[in-house]
């Protein structure tokens, strides 16, 4: 996982990059939480997302937004950070000119920045958003959302309440041609204490389902089978009788 320095719009961007062993592999860009609240690329959630995409065969990059770690500049409340993300993606694409597509994944603030970049870069073909801060940031710019993706939320999150994220998902799924897979992790708080393996499992499961990456990743069996709907259960029992 070599350290990378990228020339960004505000100076140096500190990054970590893992190049896929498979030629012409797809790309993944990982975005960290609020810089002004202690978020860095080494936070356990973006690190988990990074490792998950690496295991799926993506060439994967994570980086520190301006003013974080060794990255130059100061926090810009989202506008400058979006420019940082675009510069990081430009760097990765210049290194991988034959990459077939890009995925973007972000946590909290990073989910918001990722969704904005999704609106601007048609080469991004899917997204993973963990705890998008729908309770404090307006996501109405996703009109329409250009790609389907995965949103993950914990039902014990007291920083980004689950109902706010559920409402966002409902609005996105009402759009024509868009399917957002919404997965709520039971017992998970905002920091996914003791739930990072489950988080990674859900992402692998979704990427496998979409058929993206170099090859499917075997699951660890952590995901519970979906609960059978009452009508389906009644029909099955009637048929069995």
Protein backbone atom coordinates (compact mmCIF):
# COMPACT_ATOMS: atom_id res chain seq x y z
CA UNK A 1 0.00 0.00 0.00
CA UNK A 2 2.42 2.69 -1.19
CA UNK A 3 2.12 6.28 -0.05
CA UNK A 4 1.20 8.61 -2.91
CA UNK A 5 1.47 12.37 -3.20
CA UNK A 6 -0.97 13.95 -5.67
CA UNK A 7 -0.85 17.53 -6.91
CA UNK A 8 -4.22 18.89 -5.86
CA UNK A 9 -6.01 22.22 -6.29
CA UNK A 10 -4.82 23.36 -2.86
CA UNK A 11 -1.37 21.78 -3.01
CA UNK A 12 -0.19 18.36 -1.90
CA UNK A 13 -2.76 15.56 -1.38
CA UNK A 14 -1.62 12.65 0.77
CA UNK A 15 -2.96 9.30 -0.45
CA UNK A 16 -2.62 5.53 -0.33
CA UNK A 17 -2.99 3.48 -3.49
CA UNK A 18 -3.25 -0.24 -4.21
CA UNK A 19 -2.82 -1.26 -7.85
CA UNK A 20 -4.72 -4.35 -8.96
CA UNK A 21 -2.71 -7.34 -10.12
CA UNK A 22 -5.21 -7.75 -12.96
CA UNK A 23 -4.53 -5.63 -16.06
CA UNK A 24 -7.14 -2.98 -16.88
CA UNK A 25 -8.98 -3.46 -13.60
CA UNK A 26 -11.79 -1.10 -12.56
CA UNK A 27 -11.08 1.79 -10.19
CA UNK A 28 -12.44 2.62 -6.74
CA UNK A 29 -12.12 5.93 -4.89
CA UNK A 30 -12.68 5.97 -1.11
CA UNK A 31 -13.67 9.15 0.77
CA UNK A 32 -13.33 9.80 4.51
CA UNK A 33 -15.67 11.52 7.03
CA UNK A 34 -15.85 15.18 8.13
CA UNK A 35 -12.31 16.67 8.18
CA UNK A 36 -13.29 19.20 10.85
CA UNK A 37 -14.48 16.41 13.16
CA UNK A 38 -11.35 14.28 13.07
CA UNK A 39 -12.04 12.33 9.88
CA UNK A 40 -9.03 10.93 8.00
CA UNK A 41 -8.33 8.31 5.35
CA UNK A 42 -7.11 6.03 8.18
CA UNK A 43 -10.47 6.05 9.98
CA UNK A 44 -11.58 2.44 10.30
CA UNK A 45 -14.63 2.80 8.03
CA UNK A 46 -12.87 4.21 4.93
CA UNK A 47 -10.01 1.80 5.65
CA UNK A 48 -12.49 -1.09 5.71
CA UNK A 49 -14.05 0.10 2.45
CA UNK A 50 -10.57 0.40 0.93
CA UNK A 51 -9.64 -3.16 1.86
CA UNK A 52 -13.00 -4.43 0.62
CA UNK A 53 -12.56 -2.96 -2.85
CA UNK A 54 -8.93 -4.13 -3.01
CA UNK A 55 -10.10 -7.68 -2.25
CA UNK A 56 -12.65 -7.38 -5.06
CA UNK A 57 -9.80 -6.66 -7.50
CA UNK A 58 -10.23 -2.91 -7.95
CA UNK A 59 -7.27 -0.56 -8.21
CA UNK A 60 -8.16 1.49 -5.15
CA UNK A 61 -7.24 4.92 -3.80
CA UNK A 62 -7.98 6.64 -0.51
CA UNK A 63 -6.67 10.07 0.43
CA UNK A 64 -6.79 12.85 2.99
CA UNK A 65 -8.87 15.88 2.13
CA UNK A 66 -7.17 19.30 2.30
CA UNK A 67 -5.92 20.23 5.74
CA UNK A 68 -5.88 16.62 6.97
CA UNK A 69 -2.64 14.76 7.69
CA UNK A 70 -0.01 15.79 5.14
CA UNK A 71 -2.54 17.22 2.68
CA UNK A 72 -2.15 20.96 2.22
CA UNK A 73 -4.89 23.56 2.46
CA UNK A 74 -7.72 24.22 4.91
CA UNK A 75 -11.18 22.77 5.36
CA UNK A 76 -13.57 24.27 2.79
CA UNK A 77 -16.97 22.91 3.92
CA UNK A 78 -17.30 20.65 0.90
CA UNK A 79 -16.55 22.80 -2.14
CA UNK A 80 -12.77 22.43 -2.02
CA UNK A 81 -13.03 18.82 -0.89
CA UNK A 82 -15.06 18.00 -4.00
CA UNK A 83 -12.21 19.46 -6.06
CA UNK A 84 -9.76 17.28 -4.10
CA UNK A 85 -11.81 14.17 -4.92
CA UNK A 86 -11.92 15.11 -8.61
CA UNK A 87 -8.13 15.59 -8.63
CA UNK A 88 -7.61 12.21 -6.97
CA UNK A 89 -9.83 10.54 -9.56
CA UNK A 90 -7.97 12.32 -12.37
CA UNK A 91 -4.67 11.00 -10.99
CA UNK A 92 -5.95 7.45 -10.83
CA UNK A 93 -7.44 7.56 -14.32
CA UNK A 94 -4.21 8.95 -15.79
CA UNK A 95 -2.40 5.93 -14.33
CA UNK A 96 -5.07 3.49 -15.55
CA UNK A 97 -6.11 4.77 -18.95
CA UNK A 98 -7.81 1.49 -19.91
CA UNK A 99 -9.84 1.06 -16.73
CA UNK A 100 -13.39 0.17 -17.80
CA UNK A 101 -15.27 2.03 -15.06
CA UNK A 102 -15.08 3.66 -11.64
CA UNK A 103 -16.89 3.09 -8.35
CA UNK A 104 -16.97 5.56 -5.50
CA UNK A 105 -17.43 4.83 -1.80
CA UNK A 106 -17.71 7.24 1.09
CA UNK A 107 -18.56 7.42 4.76
CA UNK A 108 -20.54 10.29 6.31
CA UNK A 109 -19.09 13.51 4.80
CA UNK A 110 -17.31 11.31 2.26
CA UNK A 111 -20.64 9.85 1.16
CA UNK A 112 -21.92 13.38 0.46
CA UNK A 113 -18.81 14.33 -1.52
CA UNK A 114 -18.96 11.02 -3.38
CA UNK A 115 -22.55 11.55 -4.45
CA UNK A 116 -21.68 15.02 -5.73
CA UNK A 117 -18.78 13.62 -7.75
CA UNK A 118 -21.13 10.94 -9.08
CA UNK A 119 -23.29 13.71 -10.56
CA UNK A 120 -20.30 15.20 -12.38
CA UNK A 121 -18.38 12.18 -13.66
CA UNK A 122 -20.25 9.79 -15.99
CA UNK A 123 -17.46 7.22 -15.76
CA UNK A 124 -18.60 6.46 -12.19
CA UNK A 125 -20.93 3.49 -12.59
CA UNK A 126 -21.86 2.73 -8.99
CA UNK A 127 -21.57 3.92 -5.42
CA UNK A 128 -21.42 2.74 -1.83
CA UNK A 129 -22.56 5.31 0.74
CA UNK A 130 -22.20 4.57 4.44
CA UNK A 131 -24.15 6.80 6.84
CA UNK A 132 -24.85 9.63 4.37
CA UNK A 133 -25.59 12.65 6.63
CA UNK A 134 -29.12 13.19 5.36
CA UNK A 135 -30.15 14.70 8.70
CA UNK A 136 -27.92 17.76 8.24
CA UNK A 137 -27.13 18.02 4.51
CA UNK A 138 -29.55 18.44 1.61
CA UNK A 139 -29.21 15.65 -0.96
CA UNK A 140 -31.80 17.11 -3.35
CA UNK A 141 -29.00 17.66 -5.89
CA UNK A 142 -29.45 13.97 -6.77
CA UNK A 143 -32.19 14.88 -9.24
CA UNK A 144 -31.97 12.53 -10.89
CA UNK A 145 -29.37 10.23 -9.36
CA UNK A 146 -27.38 8.97 -12.38
CA UNK A 147 -26.46 5.49 -11.09
CA UNK A 148 -27.74 2.75 -8.82
CA UNK A 149 -25.82 1.87 -5.68
CA UNK A 150 -25.71 0.68 -2.09
CA UNK A 151 -26.50 2.66 1.06
CA UNK A 152 -25.62 1.16 4.45
CA UNK A 153 -26.84 2.45 7.80
CA UNK A 154 -26.79 1.30 11.41
CA UNK A 155 -30.05 1.25 13.33
CA UNK A 156 -28.31 2.41 16.53
CA UNK A 157 -26.71 5.48 14.94
CA UNK A 158 -27.35 8.53 17.13
CA UNK A 159 -25.34 10.89 14.89
CA UNK A 160 -27.08 10.17 11.59
CA UNK A 161 -30.49 8.75 12.60
CA UNK A 162 -31.67 5.87 10.47
CA UNK A 163 -35.09 7.41 9.63
CA UNK A 164 -33.36 10.34 7.87
CA UNK A 165 -31.39 7.96 5.66
CA UNK A 166 -34.45 5.81 5.02
CA UNK A 167 -36.30 8.90 3.76
CA UNK A 168 -33.41 9.70 1.40
CA UNK A 169 -33.44 6.15 0.04
CA UNK A 170 -37.19 6.32 -0.49
CA UNK A 171 -36.80 9.49 -2.58
CA UNK A 172 -33.99 8.00 -4.65
CA UNK A 173 -35.86 4.77 -5.32
CA UNK A 174 -38.85 6.78 -6.53
CA UNK A 175 -36.73 7.95 -9.47
CA UNK A 176 -37.15 6.12 -12.74
CA UNK A 177 -34.45 3.61 -13.59
CA UNK A 178 -32.62 3.89 -10.26
CA UNK A 179 -32.34 1.14 -7.68
CA UNK A 180 -30.75 1.86 -4.31
CA UNK A 181 -30.11 -1.25 -2.23
CA UNK A 182 -30.64 -0.13 1.37
CA UNK A 183 -29.15 -2.30 4.10
CA UNK A 184 -29.63 -1.55 7.78
CA UNK A 185 -27.17 -3.29 10.10
CA UNK A 186 -28.86 -4.28 13.32
CA UNK A 187 -27.07 -3.04 16.42
CA UNK A 188 -24.55 -0.89 14.54
CA UNK A 189 -23.85 2.62 15.79
CA UNK A 190 -22.32 5.43 13.73
CA UNK A 191 -18.82 4.01 14.16
CA UNK A 192 -19.78 0.38 13.48
CA UNK A 193 -18.13 -0.82 16.67
CA UNK A 194 -17.93 -4.61 16.41
CA UNK A 195 -19.73 -4.42 13.04
CA UNK A 196 -16.98 -3.62 10.51
CA UNK A 197 -16.87 -7.25 9.31
CA UNK A 198 -20.61 -7.09 8.69
CA UNK A 199 -20.18 -3.81 6.82
CA UNK A 200 -17.53 -5.34 4.57
CA UNK A 201 -19.67 -8.43 4.01
CA UNK A 202 -22.59 -6.32 2.81
CA UNK A 203 -20.36 -4.45 0.37
CA UNK A 204 -18.86 -7.67 -0.99
CA UNK A 205 -22.33 -9.14 -1.35
CA UNK A 206 -23.57 -6.14 -3.29
CA UNK A 207 -20.51 -5.97 -5.56
CA UNK A 208 -20.85 -9.69 -6.24
CA UNK A 209 -24.52 -9.17 -7.06
CA UNK A 210 -23.67 -6.36 -9.49
CA UNK A 211 -20.94 -8.49 -11.08
CA UNK A 212 -18.27 -5.82 -10.72
CA UNK A 213 -14.61 -6.05 -9.83
CA UNK A 214 -12.23 -8.71 -11.08
CA UNK A 215 -13.92 -11.71 -9.48
CA UNK A 216 -16.54 -12.45 -6.81
CA UNK A 217 -15.36 -12.62 -3.21
CA UNK A 218 -16.47 -15.55 -1.07
CA UNK A 219 -18.66 -14.37 1.79
CA UNK A 220 -18.06 -15.29 5.43
CA UNK A 221 -21.68 -16.22 6.07
CA UNK A 222 -22.36 -13.21 8.29
CA UNK A 223 -25.46 -12.04 6.44
CA UNK A 224 -28.79 -13.29 7.72
CA UNK A 225 -31.26 -14.51 5.14
CA UNK A 226 -33.95 -11.90 4.44
CA UNK A 227 -37.09 -12.37 6.47
CA UNK A 228 -39.90 -13.96 4.49
CA UNK A 229 -42.83 -11.66 3.83
CA UNK A 230 -46.07 -12.73 5.63
CA UNK A 231 -47.96 -13.23 2.35
CA UNK A 232 -45.20 -15.41 0.94
CA UNK A 233 -45.01 -17.41 4.16
CA UNK A 234 -48.77 -18.02 4.14
CA UNK A 235 -48.70 -19.09 0.48
CA UNK A 236 -45.84 -21.51 1.15
CA UNK A 237 -47.63 -23.07 4.13
CA UNK A 238 -50.85 -23.43 2.13
CA UNK A 239 -48.97 -25.14 -0.70
CA UNK A 240 -47.24 -27.48 1.74
CA UNK A 241 -50.58 -28.43 3.29
